[in-house]
Amino acid sequence: MFEYEIATARRADLIREADEYRLVREAKKARRASSRSQEPEGAVRGHRSRFARAA
């Protein structure tokens, strides 16, 4: 009976751990998606004055 209780508690811990892991991954994915939606193509800047002119 004691082994059954330990196994049940361990199972509950693993389920809780998996739910937490899944939640963290979803939050990271959502954060990446929201940052990409704000500026999908990135900033475009002119770099003409940065380089010296070739002959």
Foldseek 3Di string as FASTA:
>chain_A
DVVVVVVVVVVVVVVVVVVVVVVVVVVVVVVVVVVCVVPVPDDDDDCVVVDDDDD
